[in-house]
Amino acid sequence: MTRRISLKPSARRDFGKMPRKAQQALAKKIDLLAVNAQAAGEEKLAGHPGLFRIRAGDYRAVYEKDGNTIMILRMGDRKEVYKMLRRLD
């Protein structure tokens, strides 16, 4: 079962600011996420019900699932991405 991947405008901006190698690594993980979440390394986020993350090196993509759709909320360096999430609350 392939899931539909959507990116919020903020996630698109985050992605554009990342280094090229990080973009490539995270893009591969996102493609894998559409097919198999466990293989992509999906983990639930503590303290944020309904949110999940995948990682590629020091970079993270945080998303929520709604049926057959995955909405990527934010992407970025592990040091910053969780600070970004606090602003979403």
Protein backbone atom coordinates (compact mmCIF):
# COMPACT_ATOMS: atom_id res chain seq x y z
CA MET A 1 0.00 0.00 0.00
CA THR A 2 1.52 3.29 -1.08
CA ARG A 3 0.65 6.35 0.96
CA ARG A 4 0.27 9.87 -0.39
CA ILE A 5 2.94 12.29 0.88
CA SER A 6 2.11 15.99 1.31
CA LEU A 7 4.36 18.77 2.56
CA LYS A 8 3.22 21.87 4.36
CA PRO A 9 4.71 25.09 2.93
CA SER A 10 6.90 25.39 6.04
CA ALA A 11 8.33 21.91 5.38
CA ARG A 12 9.10 22.89 1.77
CA ARG A 13 11.00 25.95 3.00
CA ASP A 14 12.85 23.85 5.59
CA PHE A 15 13.84 21.36 2.88
CA GLY A 16 15.18 24.12 0.64
CA LYS A 17 17.46 25.40 3.41
CA MET A 18 19.08 22.01 4.07
CA PRO A 19 22.44 20.98 2.57
CA ARG A 20 22.16 19.01 -0.69
CA LYS A 21 23.39 15.71 0.82
CA ALA A 22 20.88 15.99 3.66
CA GLN A 23 18.11 16.71 1.14
CA GLN A 24 19.00 13.59 -0.84
CA ALA A 25 19.17 11.36 2.24
CA LEU A 26 15.88 12.65 3.66
CA ALA A 27 14.16 12.41 0.26
CA LYS A 28 15.11 8.71 0.08
CA LYS A 29 13.65 8.14 3.55
CA ILE A 30 10.45 9.98 2.60
CA ASP A 31 10.08 7.83 -0.53
CA LEU A 32 10.53 4.74 1.62
CA LEU A 33 8.02 6.11 4.13
CA ALA A 34 5.35 6.14 1.44
CA VAL A 35 5.80 2.39 0.99
CA ASN A 36 6.87 1.05 4.40
CA ALA A 37 6.97 3.21 7.54
CA GLN A 38 8.87 0.66 9.63
CA ALA A 39 11.63 0.33 7.02
CA ALA A 40 11.95 4.13 6.96
CA GLY A 41 12.56 4.11 10.73
CA GLU A 42 9.31 5.70 11.86
CA GLU A 43 9.08 6.54 15.56
CA LYS A 44 6.36 8.21 17.62
CA LEU A 45 7.26 11.55 19.16
CA ALA A 46 7.03 11.68 22.94
CA GLY A 47 4.91 14.56 24.17
CA HIS A 48 3.23 15.10 20.81
CA PRO A 49 0.31 12.68 20.35
CA GLY A 50 -0.27 11.77 16.73
CA LEU A 51 3.14 12.95 15.50
CA PHE A 52 5.90 10.76 14.10
CA ARG A 53 9.44 11.28 12.85
CA ILE A 54 11.99 9.73 10.56
CA ARG A 55 15.65 10.55 10.54
CA ALA A 56 18.46 10.68 8.04
CA GLY A 57 21.75 11.36 9.79
CA ASP A 58 21.36 14.55 11.82
CA TYR A 59 18.19 15.59 9.99
CA ARG A 60 14.59 14.82 10.88
CA ALA A 61 11.19 14.98 9.19
CA VAL A 62 8.21 15.30 11.54
CA TYR A 63 4.80 14.33 10.23
CA GLU A 64 1.28 13.24 11.04
CA LYS A 65 -0.75 10.47 9.46
CA ASP A 66 -4.38 10.76 8.41
CA GLY A 67 -5.65 7.58 6.83
CA ASN A 68 -3.71 7.05 3.62
CA THR A 69 -2.04 10.49 3.70
CA ILE A 70 1.16 11.58 5.43
CA MET A 71 1.50 15.33 6.03
CA ILE A 72 5.09 16.40 6.66
CA LEU A 73 5.00 19.35 9.04
CA ARG A 74 8.65 20.30 9.53
CA MET A 75 12.12 19.17 8.47
CA GLY A 76 15.52 20.17 9.70
CA ASP A 77 18.56 19.58 11.84
CA ARG A 78 17.85 17.54 14.95
CA LYS A 79 18.93 20.47 17.13
CA GLU A 80 16.31 22.77 15.62
CA VAL A 81 13.38 20.67 14.41
CA TYR A 82 11.98 20.01 17.87
CA LYS A 83 12.19 23.73 18.74
CA MET A 84 10.13 24.37 15.59
CA LEU A 85 7.49 21.96 16.86
CA ARG A 86 7.01 23.93 20.07
CA ARG A 87 5.88 26.85 17.92
CA LEU A 88 3.20 24.65 16.31
CA ASP A 89 1.47 23.99 19.67
